[in-house]
Amino acid sequence: TPKLAREELKNLIRYLLELDETNKFRFVQKMNIKIQNSKRLFFDADVEDISSSSSVNGYYKYVISDDGDAPKFFPKAPYQVKGLALYNNIIKKHGFSDENLYGGKMKIYVIKGPGSQQYFAYQSRNLPEWAEKYAPIDRSEMFKIHILEPFNRILSAIGYQELETDGNIQMSLF
């Protein structure tokens, strides 16, 4: 979990524990305001601060090819390896001079695009200039993964309404 997300989760949990509100609707309203503030902070942060860190290994064990239109994988390839294969694929496809990477300590984020989640991996403190164009970060999905879903698990466990990414509050009338 990125450091920024850990800090925001701690702040949200502290606020949750200190909130003295008996009206359920007002409670959810106040928590929603707090989560939307966290979202703004997350959206304004540098990509480096919201990308998770992971070691990537086993590249040749899982990657069939990183050439062509898209990388090809053996079954059960970890998302970290898929992200690094995408990095290499973009370099090869567009003829960038960046060096291909096959493992090591990487930063990883979810990219925007159709279908299921795709990941992009890069060396820490070395996000390529071309990444925003060819592998744009999906900040909304990253916020959901690293802050909203963990916090909603806490709210759900204590019997409160889960919060939405878009800030909407859905309350039951009955």
N, C-alpha and C. Protein backbone atom coordinates (compact mmCIF):
# COMPACT_ATOMS: atom_id res chain seq x y z
N THR A 1 0.85 -1.19 0.00
CA THR A 1 0.00 0.00 0.00
C THR A 1 0.89 1.24 0.00
N PRO A 2 0.63 2.18 -0.88
CA PRO A 2 1.42 3.41 -0.91
C PRO A 2 1.35 4.16 0.42
N LYS A 3 2.43 4.85 0.76
CA LYS A 3 2.52 5.58 2.02
C LYS A 3 1.38 6.59 2.18
N LEU A 4 1.07 7.32 1.12
CA LEU A 4 -0.02 8.30 1.19
C LEU A 4 -1.34 7.63 1.55
N ALA A 5 -1.61 6.47 0.98
CA ALA A 5 -2.85 5.75 1.27
C ALA A 5 -2.87 5.27 2.72
N ARG A 6 -1.74 4.77 3.22
CA ARG A 6 -1.68 4.33 4.62
C ARG A 6 -1.97 5.49 5.57
N GLU A 7 -1.38 6.65 5.28
CA GLU A 7 -1.60 7.83 6.13
C GLU A 7 -3.06 8.26 6.10
N GLU A 8 -3.65 8.27 4.91
CA GLU A 8 -5.06 8.67 4.80
C GLU A 8 -5.99 7.68 5.50
N LEU A 9 -5.69 6.40 5.38
CA LEU A 9 -6.50 5.39 6.09
C LEU A 9 -6.42 5.58 7.60
N LYS A 10 -5.23 5.87 8.11
CA LYS A 10 -5.08 6.14 9.54
C LYS A 10 -5.91 7.35 9.95
N ASN A 11 -5.86 8.42 9.14
CA ASN A 11 -6.64 9.63 9.44
C ASN A 11 -8.13 9.34 9.43
N LEU A 12 -8.58 8.58 8.45
CA LEU A 12 -10.00 8.24 8.36
C LEU A 12 -10.45 7.39 9.54
N ILE A 13 -9.64 6.45 9.94
CA ILE A 13 -9.99 5.58 11.09
C ILE A 13 -10.01 6.40 12.37
N ARG A 14 -9.03 7.29 12.55
CA ARG A 14 -9.03 8.17 13.73
C ARG A 14 -10.31 9.01 13.77
N TYR A 15 -10.66 9.59 12.64
CA TYR A 15 -11.86 10.41 12.55
C TYR A 15 -13.09 9.57 12.86
N LEU A 16 -13.15 8.38 12.34
CA LEU A 16 -14.26 7.46 12.59
C LEU A 16 -14.41 7.17 14.09
N LEU A 17 -13.29 6.92 14.76
CA LEU A 17 -13.32 6.60 16.19
C LEU A 17 -13.68 7.81 17.05
N GLU A 18 -13.30 9.00 16.59
CA GLU A 18 -13.56 10.21 17.37
C GLU A 18 -14.93 10.82 17.07
N LEU A 19 -15.56 10.41 15.98
CA LEU A 19 -16.84 10.99 15.57
C LEU A 19 -17.93 10.58 16.55
N ASP A 20 -18.55 11.59 17.15
CA ASP A 20 -19.61 11.35 18.12
C ASP A 20 -20.93 11.75 17.49
N GLU A 21 -21.46 10.85 16.68
CA GLU A 21 -22.69 11.14 15.94
C GLU A 21 -23.63 9.95 16.06
N THR A 22 -24.82 10.20 16.61
CA THR A 22 -25.78 9.11 16.78
C THR A 22 -26.73 8.98 15.59
N ASN A 23 -26.93 10.06 14.85
CA ASN A 23 -27.79 10.02 13.67
C ASN A 23 -27.02 9.36 12.53
N LYS A 24 -27.52 8.22 12.05
CA LYS A 24 -26.81 7.45 11.02
C LYS A 24 -26.60 8.23 9.74
N PHE A 25 -27.60 8.99 9.32
CA PHE A 25 -27.48 9.76 8.08
C PHE A 25 -26.39 10.82 8.21
N ARG A 26 -26.40 11.56 9.31
CA ARG A 26 -25.36 12.59 9.51
C ARG A 26 -23.98 11.97 9.64
N PHE A 27 -23.92 10.79 10.26
CA PHE A 27 -22.65 10.07 10.37
C PHE A 27 -22.09 9.77 8.98
N VAL A 28 -22.93 9.19 8.13
CA VAL A 28 -22.50 8.84 6.77
C VAL A 28 -22.14 10.10 5.99
N GLN A 29 -22.92 11.16 6.19
CA GLN A 29 -22.65 12.44 5.52
C GLN A 29 -21.27 12.97 5.90
N LYS A 30 -20.96 12.97 7.18
CA LYS A 30 -19.67 13.48 7.65
C LYS A 30 -18.52 12.59 7.15
N MET A 31 -18.73 11.29 7.17
CA MET A 31 -17.69 10.37 6.69
C MET A 31 -17.49 10.56 5.19
N ASN A 32 -18.57 10.82 4.47
CA ASN A 32 -18.49 11.04 3.03
C ASN A 32 -17.67 12.29 2.70
N ILE A 33 -17.88 13.35 3.46
CA ILE A 33 -17.10 14.57 3.27
C ILE A 33 -15.63 14.28 3.50
N LYS A 34 -15.35 13.53 4.53
CA LYS A 34 -13.96 13.19 4.85
C LYS A 34 -13.33 12.35 3.74
N ILE A 35 -14.07 11.37 3.20
CA ILE A 35 -13.52 10.50 2.15
C ILE A 35 -13.32 11.29 0.86
N GLN A 36 -14.20 12.26 0.58
CA GLN A 36 -14.03 13.09 -0.61
C GLN A 36 -12.80 14.00 -0.49
N ASN A 37 -12.49 14.46 0.72
CA ASN A 37 -11.26 15.22 0.95
C ASN A 37 -10.04 14.34 0.70
N SER A 38 -10.11 13.09 1.15
CA SER A 38 -9.02 12.15 0.91
C SER A 38 -8.86 11.89 -0.59
N LYS A 39 -9.97 11.81 -1.28
CA LYS A 39 -9.94 11.58 -2.72
C LYS A 39 -9.24 12.74 -3.43
N ARG A 40 -9.58 13.98 -3.06
CA ARG A 40 -8.92 15.14 -3.67
C ARG A 40 -7.42 15.12 -3.44
N LEU A 41 -7.02 14.80 -2.23
CA LEU A 41 -5.61 14.70 -1.89
C LEU A 41 -4.93 13.63 -2.75
N PHE A 42 -5.59 12.50 -2.89
CA PHE A 42 -5.07 11.38 -3.66
C PHE A 42 -4.94 11.76 -5.14
N PHE A 43 -5.94 12.46 -5.67
CA PHE A 43 -5.93 12.85 -7.09
C PHE A 43 -4.88 13.91 -7.39
N ASP A 44 -4.54 14.73 -6.40
CA ASP A 44 -3.54 15.79 -6.60
C ASP A 44 -2.11 15.30 -6.37
N ALA A 45 -1.96 14.11 -5.81
CA ALA A 45 -0.63 13.59 -5.46
C ALA A 45 0.16 13.16 -6.70
N ASP A 46 1.44 13.12 -6.54
CA ASP A 46 2.35 12.64 -7.58
C ASP A 46 2.12 11.14 -7.80
N VAL A 47 2.29 10.68 -9.03
CA VAL A 47 2.10 9.27 -9.36
C VAL A 47 2.97 8.38 -8.46
N GLU A 48 4.16 8.81 -8.19
CA GLU A 48 5.09 8.05 -7.35
C GLU A 48 4.51 7.80 -5.95
N ASP A 49 3.75 8.77 -5.43
CA ASP A 49 3.21 8.67 -4.08
C ASP A 49 1.97 7.77 -3.97
N ILE A 50 1.32 7.48 -5.09
CA ILE A 50 0.12 6.64 -5.03
C ILE A 50 0.31 5.29 -5.71
N SER A 51 1.50 5.05 -6.25
CA SER A 51 1.80 3.74 -6.84
C SER A 51 2.31 2.82 -5.74
N SER A 52 1.90 1.56 -5.79
CA SER A 52 2.38 0.62 -4.79
C SER A 52 3.74 0.07 -5.19
N SER A 53 4.51 -0.36 -4.22
CA SER A 53 5.84 -0.92 -4.46
C SER A 53 5.77 -2.44 -4.40
N SER A 54 6.56 -3.07 -5.26
CA SER A 54 6.59 -4.53 -5.27
C SER A 54 7.86 -5.01 -5.95
N SER A 55 8.33 -6.14 -5.52
CA SER A 55 9.44 -6.79 -6.22
C SER A 55 8.85 -7.61 -7.35
N VAL A 56 9.49 -7.57 -8.49
CA VAL A 56 9.04 -8.34 -9.64
C VAL A 56 10.11 -9.36 -9.97
N ASN A 57 9.71 -10.63 -10.00
CA ASN A 57 10.63 -11.68 -10.42
C ASN A 57 9.85 -12.75 -11.16
N GLY A 58 10.55 -13.64 -11.81
CA GLY A 58 9.90 -14.70 -12.57
C GLY A 58 9.42 -14.25 -13.93
N TYR A 59 10.03 -13.20 -14.45
CA TYR A 59 9.58 -12.63 -15.73
C TYR A 59 9.52 -13.70 -16.82
N TYR A 60 10.59 -14.43 -17.00
CA TYR A 60 10.64 -15.43 -18.08
C TYR A 60 9.77 -16.65 -17.80
N LYS A 61 9.42 -16.84 -16.54
CA LYS A 61 8.54 -17.95 -16.17
C LYS A 61 7.10 -17.69 -16.62
N TYR A 62 6.70 -16.42 -16.67
CA TYR A 62 5.31 -16.07 -16.93
C TYR A 62 5.06 -15.37 -18.27
N VAL A 63 6.07 -14.76 -18.85
CA VAL A 63 5.87 -13.98 -20.08
C VAL A 63 6.24 -14.83 -21.30
N ILE A 64 5.29 -15.02 -22.18
CA ILE A 64 5.55 -15.74 -23.43
C ILE A 64 6.22 -14.78 -24.41
N SER A 65 5.66 -13.56 -24.51
CA SER A 65 6.20 -12.57 -25.43
C SER A 65 5.79 -11.18 -24.97
N ASP A 66 6.72 -10.23 -25.09
CA ASP A 66 6.38 -8.84 -24.81
C ASP A 66 6.47 -8.00 -26.09
N ASP A 67 6.42 -8.68 -27.24
CA ASP A 67 6.42 -8.02 -28.55
C ASP A 67 4.99 -7.90 -29.07
N GLY A 68 4.83 -7.25 -30.20
CA GLY A 68 3.52 -7.19 -30.86
C GLY A 68 2.60 -6.16 -30.26
N ASP A 69 1.31 -6.35 -30.51
CA ASP A 69 0.31 -5.39 -30.02
C ASP A 69 0.17 -5.40 -28.50
N ALA A 70 0.28 -6.59 -27.91
CA ALA A 70 0.13 -6.71 -26.46
C ALA A 70 0.97 -7.89 -25.97
N PRO A 71 1.45 -7.82 -24.74
CA PRO A 71 2.22 -8.96 -24.21
C PRO A 71 1.34 -10.20 -24.04
N LYS A 72 1.98 -11.36 -24.12
CA LYS A 72 1.28 -12.64 -23.94
C LYS A 72 1.89 -13.35 -22.74
N PHE A 73 1.00 -14.02 -21.97
CA PHE A 73 1.43 -14.60 -20.70
C PHE A 73 1.04 -16.07 -20.58
N PHE A 74 1.81 -16.79 -19.75
CA PHE A 74 1.41 -18.12 -19.33
C PHE A 74 0.33 -17.95 -18.26
N PRO A 75 -0.47 -19.01 -18.02
CA PRO A 75 -1.52 -18.90 -16.99
C PRO A 75 -0.95 -18.51 -15.62
N LYS A 76 -1.74 -17.80 -14.87
CA LYS A 76 -1.45 -17.40 -13.49
C LYS A 76 -0.27 -16.43 -13.37
N ALA A 77 -0.03 -15.65 -14.40
CA ALA A 77 1.02 -14.64 -14.33
C ALA A 77 0.62 -13.57 -13.32
N PRO A 78 1.51 -13.23 -12.38
CA PRO A 78 1.19 -12.19 -11.39
C PRO A 78 1.02 -10.82 -12.06
N TYR A 79 0.20 -9.98 -11.46
CA TYR A 79 -0.05 -8.66 -12.03
C TYR A 79 1.22 -7.82 -12.13
N GLN A 80 2.18 -8.02 -11.21
CA GLN A 80 3.43 -7.26 -11.25
C GLN A 80 4.21 -7.58 -12.52
N VAL A 81 4.26 -8.87 -12.87
CA VAL A 81 4.96 -9.31 -14.07
C VAL A 81 4.24 -8.78 -15.31
N LYS A 82 2.91 -8.81 -15.30
CA LYS A 82 2.13 -8.29 -16.42
C LYS A 82 2.41 -6.79 -16.60
N GLY A 83 2.51 -6.07 -15.50
CA GLY A 83 2.81 -4.63 -15.57
C GLY A 83 4.17 -4.35 -16.16
N LEU A 84 5.15 -5.15 -15.81
CA LEU A 84 6.50 -4.96 -16.34
C LEU A 84 6.56 -5.37 -17.81
N ALA A 85 5.83 -6.41 -18.18
CA ALA A 85 5.77 -6.82 -19.58
C ALA A 85 5.13 -5.72 -20.43
N LEU A 86 4.13 -5.03 -19.88
CA LEU A 86 3.50 -3.92 -20.59
C LEU A 86 4.52 -2.79 -20.79
N TYR A 87 5.30 -2.52 -19.77
CA TYR A 87 6.37 -1.51 -19.87
C TYR A 87 7.30 -1.85 -21.03
N ASN A 88 7.79 -3.09 -21.07
CA ASN A 88 8.68 -3.53 -22.14
C ASN A 88 7.99 -3.50 -23.49
N ASN A 89 6.73 -3.88 -23.54
CA ASN A 89 5.97 -3.88 -24.78
C ASN A 89 5.86 -2.48 -25.37
N ILE A 90 5.57 -1.50 -24.53
CA ILE A 90 5.44 -0.12 -24.99
C ILE A 90 6.78 0.38 -25.53
N ILE A 91 7.86 0.06 -24.85
CA ILE A 91 9.19 0.47 -25.31
C ILE A 91 9.46 -0.09 -26.71
N LYS A 92 9.20 -1.38 -26.88
CA LYS A 92 9.47 -2.03 -28.17
C LYS A 92 8.54 -1.52 -29.27
N LYS A 93 7.25 -1.40 -28.94
CA LYS A 93 6.25 -1.00 -29.93
C LYS A 93 6.49 0.41 -30.47
N HIS A 94 6.94 1.31 -29.60
CA HIS A 94 7.09 2.71 -29.99
C HIS A 94 8.55 3.12 -30.21
N GLY A 95 9.46 2.17 -30.07
CA GLY A 95 10.87 2.44 -30.34
C GLY A 95 11.54 3.40 -29.37
N PHE A 96 11.11 3.40 -28.10
CA PHE A 96 11.74 4.26 -27.11
C PHE A 96 13.13 3.73 -26.76
N SER A 97 13.99 4.62 -26.32
CA SER A 97 15.37 4.23 -26.01
C SER A 97 15.54 3.70 -24.59
N ASP A 98 14.45 3.67 -23.81
CA ASP A 98 14.53 3.16 -22.45
C ASP A 98 14.99 1.70 -22.47
N GLU A 99 15.66 1.31 -21.42
CA GLU A 99 16.15 -0.07 -21.30
C GLU A 99 15.02 -1.00 -20.86
N ASN A 100 14.94 -2.18 -21.46
CA ASN A 100 13.96 -3.18 -21.02
C ASN A 100 14.31 -3.63 -19.62
N LEU A 101 13.30 -3.91 -18.83
CA LEU A 101 13.49 -4.36 -17.45
C LEU A 101 12.87 -5.74 -17.30
N TYR A 102 13.51 -6.58 -16.50
CA TYR A 102 13.01 -7.95 -16.34
C TYR A 102 12.81 -8.36 -14.88
N GLY A 103 12.99 -7.43 -13.98
CA GLY A 103 12.77 -7.73 -12.57
C GLY A 103 13.35 -6.64 -11.70
N GLY A 104 13.14 -6.79 -10.40
CA GLY A 104 13.66 -5.83 -9.43
C GLY A 104 12.54 -5.13 -8.69
N LYS A 105 12.91 -4.12 -7.94
CA LYS A 105 11.95 -3.33 -7.15
C LYS A 105 11.26 -2.34 -8.08
N MET A 106 9.93 -2.41 -8.15
CA MET A 106 9.16 -1.59 -9.07
C MET A 106 8.03 -0.86 -8.35
N LYS A 107 7.55 0.19 -9.00
CA LYS A 107 6.32 0.86 -8.62
C LYS A 107 5.26 0.40 -9.60
N ILE A 108 4.03 0.21 -9.13
CA ILE A 108 2.97 -0.35 -9.97
C ILE A 108 1.69 0.45 -9.79
N TYR A 109 1.00 0.67 -10.90
CA TYR A 109 -0.31 1.32 -10.83
C TYR A 109 -1.25 0.73 -11.88
N VAL A 110 -2.55 0.98 -11.66
CA VAL A 110 -3.59 0.53 -12.59
C VAL A 110 -3.68 1.57 -13.70
N ILE A 111 -3.79 1.10 -14.94
CA ILE A 111 -3.91 2.03 -16.06
C ILE A 111 -5.36 2.14 -16.51
N LYS A 112 -5.68 3.29 -17.11
CA LYS A 112 -7.01 3.50 -17.68
C LYS A 112 -7.16 2.64 -18.92
N GLY A 113 -8.34 2.15 -19.12
CA GLY A 113 -8.58 1.38 -20.33
C GLY A 113 -9.81 0.51 -20.19
N PRO A 114 -10.26 -0.01 -21.32
CA PRO A 114 -11.45 -0.86 -21.30
C PRO A 114 -11.14 -2.25 -20.71
N GLY A 115 -12.16 -2.90 -20.24
CA GLY A 115 -12.00 -4.27 -19.75
C GLY A 115 -11.48 -4.33 -18.33
N SER A 116 -10.88 -5.46 -18.00
CA SER A 116 -10.41 -5.67 -16.64
C SER A 116 -9.14 -4.86 -16.36
N GLN A 117 -8.79 -4.80 -15.10
CA GLN A 117 -7.65 -4.00 -14.68
C GLN A 117 -6.37 -4.44 -15.38
N GLN A 118 -5.63 -3.45 -15.87
CA GLN A 118 -4.31 -3.69 -16.39
C GLN A 118 -3.35 -2.86 -15.56
N TYR A 119 -2.15 -3.39 -15.39
CA TYR A 119 -1.17 -2.73 -14.55
C TYR A 119 0.04 -2.30 -15.36
N PHE A 120 0.72 -1.29 -14.84
CA PHE A 120 1.95 -0.78 -15.45
C PHE A 120 2.99 -0.72 -14.35
N ALA A 121 4.18 -1.23 -14.63
CA ALA A 121 5.26 -1.23 -13.65
C ALA A 121 6.42 -0.40 -14.19
N TYR A 122 7.11 0.29 -13.30
CA TYR A 122 8.27 1.09 -13.66
C TYR A 122 9.21 1.15 -12.46
N GLN A 123 10.48 1.49 -12.73
CA GLN A 123 11.44 1.61 -11.63
C GLN A 123 11.10 2.82 -10.78
N SER A 124 11.20 2.64 -9.48
CA SER A 124 10.92 3.71 -8.54
C SER A 124 11.74 4.95 -8.88
N ARG A 125 11.09 6.10 -8.80
CA ARG A 125 11.67 7.42 -9.10
C ARG A 125 12.15 7.54 -10.55
N ASN A 126 11.60 6.71 -11.43
CA ASN A 126 12.03 6.75 -12.82
C ASN A 126 10.84 6.52 -13.76
N LEU A 127 9.72 7.21 -13.50
CA LEU A 127 8.55 7.09 -14.36
C LEU A 127 8.88 7.69 -15.72
N PRO A 128 8.73 6.91 -16.79
CA PRO A 128 9.08 7.43 -18.12
C PRO A 128 8.17 8.60 -18.52
N GLU A 129 8.72 9.52 -19.30
CA GLU A 129 7.96 10.68 -19.77
C GLU A 129 6.76 10.25 -20.61
N TRP A 130 6.88 9.14 -21.30
CA TRP A 130 5.84 8.66 -22.21
C TRP A 130 4.72 7.92 -21.48
N ALA A 131 4.88 7.65 -20.20
CA ALA A 131 3.91 6.83 -19.46
C ALA A 131 2.51 7.45 -19.45
N GLU A 132 2.41 8.74 -19.28
CA GLU A 132 1.09 9.38 -19.22
C GLU A 132 0.31 9.19 -20.52
N LYS A 133 1.02 9.17 -21.64
CA LYS A 133 0.35 9.01 -22.93
C LYS A 133 -0.01 7.54 -23.21
N TYR A 134 0.91 6.63 -22.94
CA TYR A 134 0.73 5.23 -23.34
C TYR A 134 0.25 4.31 -22.21
N ALA A 135 0.38 4.76 -20.98
CA ALA A 135 -0.08 3.98 -19.83
C ALA A 135 -0.59 4.94 -18.76
N PRO A 136 -1.68 5.67 -19.05
CA PRO A 136 -2.17 6.67 -18.09
C PRO A 136 -2.73 6.02 -16.83
N ILE A 137 -2.39 6.61 -15.71
CA ILE A 137 -2.84 6.07 -14.42
C ILE A 137 -4.34 6.28 -14.24
N ASP A 138 -4.99 5.28 -13.69
CA ASP A 138 -6.41 5.37 -13.35
C ASP A 138 -6.50 5.71 -11.86
N ARG A 139 -6.48 7.00 -11.57
CA ARG A 139 -6.47 7.47 -10.18
C ARG A 139 -7.72 7.04 -9.43
N SER A 140 -8.84 7.02 -10.11
CA SER A 140 -10.09 6.61 -9.48
C SER A 140 -10.00 5.16 -9.00
N GLU A 141 -9.50 4.29 -9.84
CA GLU A 141 -9.36 2.88 -9.47
C GLU A 141 -8.31 2.70 -8.38
N MET A 142 -7.23 3.45 -8.46
CA MET A 142 -6.19 3.37 -7.42
C MET A 142 -6.74 3.84 -6.08
N PHE A 143 -7.53 4.92 -6.08
CA PHE A 143 -8.15 5.40 -4.85
C PHE A 143 -9.08 4.33 -4.28
N LYS A 144 -9.86 3.74 -5.15
CA LYS A 144 -10.80 2.70 -4.74
C LYS A 144 -10.06 1.51 -4.11
N ILE A 145 -8.99 1.07 -4.73
CA ILE A 145 -8.22 -0.09 -4.25
C ILE A 145 -7.53 0.19 -2.92
N HIS A 146 -6.88 1.35 -2.83
CA HIS A 146 -6.00 1.62 -1.69
C HIS A 146 -6.65 2.34 -0.51
N ILE A 147 -7.75 3.04 -0.74
CA ILE A 147 -8.37 3.77 0.37
C ILE A 147 -9.84 3.38 0.56
N LEU A 148 -10.64 3.50 -0.48
CA LEU A 148 -12.09 3.31 -0.32
C LEU A 148 -12.47 1.89 0.09
N GLU A 149 -11.98 0.88 -0.62
CA GLU A 149 -12.37 -0.50 -0.28
C GLU A 149 -11.91 -0.92 1.12
N PRO A 150 -10.66 -0.64 1.52
CA PRO A 150 -10.28 -0.99 2.90
C PRO A 150 -11.12 -0.27 3.95
N PHE A 151 -11.42 1.01 3.71
CA PHE A 151 -12.22 1.76 4.67
C PHE A 151 -13.66 1.25 4.70
N ASN A 152 -14.21 0.93 3.54
CA ASN A 152 -15.57 0.40 3.49
C ASN A 152 -15.69 -0.95 4.21
N ARG A 153 -14.64 -1.75 4.21
CA ARG A 153 -14.67 -3.01 4.96
C ARG A 153 -14.84 -2.74 6.45
N ILE A 154 -14.23 -1.67 6.93
CA ILE A 154 -14.36 -1.29 8.34
C ILE A 154 -15.79 -0.80 8.60
N LEU A 155 -16.28 0.10 7.75
CA LEU A 155 -17.64 0.61 7.93
C LEU A 155 -18.66 -0.51 7.91
N SER A 156 -18.52 -1.42 6.98
CA SER A 156 -19.44 -2.55 6.85
C SER A 156 -19.41 -3.43 8.09
N ALA A 157 -18.22 -3.66 8.62
CA ALA A 157 -18.08 -4.53 9.80
C ALA A 157 -18.75 -3.93 11.04
N ILE A 158 -18.82 -2.61 11.11
CA ILE A 158 -19.47 -1.99 12.27
C ILE A 158 -20.92 -1.60 11.98
N GLY A 159 -21.42 -2.03 10.83
CA GLY A 159 -22.83 -1.86 10.53
C GLY A 159 -23.23 -0.56 9.86
N TYR A 160 -22.28 0.13 9.24
CA TYR A 160 -22.60 1.39 8.56
C TYR A 160 -22.59 1.24 7.06
N GLN A 161 -23.26 2.19 6.40
CA GLN A 161 -23.36 2.24 4.95
C GLN A 161 -21.97 2.43 4.33
N GLU A 162 -21.68 1.66 3.28
CA GLU A 162 -20.42 1.84 2.57
C GLU A 162 -20.48 3.13 1.76
N LEU A 163 -19.33 3.75 1.57
CA LEU A 163 -19.24 5.01 0.83
C LEU A 163 -18.92 4.73 -0.63
N GLU A 164 -19.29 5.66 -1.50
CA GLU A 164 -19.07 5.54 -2.94
C GLU A 164 -17.94 6.46 -3.39
N THR A 165 -17.27 6.09 -4.47
CA THR A 165 -16.18 6.89 -5.02
C THR A 165 -16.67 8.26 -5.47
N ASP A 166 -17.86 8.30 -6.05
CA ASP A 166 -18.36 9.55 -6.63
C ASP A 166 -18.98 10.50 -5.60
N GLY A 167 -19.06 10.08 -4.34
CA GLY A 167 -19.59 10.95 -3.30
C GLY A 167 -21.08 10.82 -3.07
N ASN A 168 -21.75 10.00 -3.86
CA ASN A 168 -23.19 9.80 -3.65
C ASN A 168 -23.43 9.00 -2.37
N ILE A 169 -24.53 9.29 -1.73
CA ILE A 169 -24.92 8.56 -0.53
C ILE A 169 -26.25 7.91 -0.81
N GLN A 170 -26.31 6.60 -0.68
CA GLN A 170 -27.56 5.89 -0.90
C GLN A 170 -28.05 5.36 0.44
N MET A 171 -29.18 5.86 0.85
CA MET A 171 -29.76 5.43 2.12
C MET A 171 -31.08 4.72 1.83
N SER A 172 -31.36 3.71 2.60
CA SER A 172 -32.61 2.99 2.45
C SER A 172 -33.75 3.78 3.08
N LEU A 173 -34.89 3.79 2.42
CA LEU A 173 -36.06 4.47 2.99
C LEU A 173 -36.80 3.60 3.98
N PHE A 174 -36.52 2.31 3.97
CA PHE A 174 -37.24 1.38 4.84
C PHE A 174 -36.32 0.62 5.73
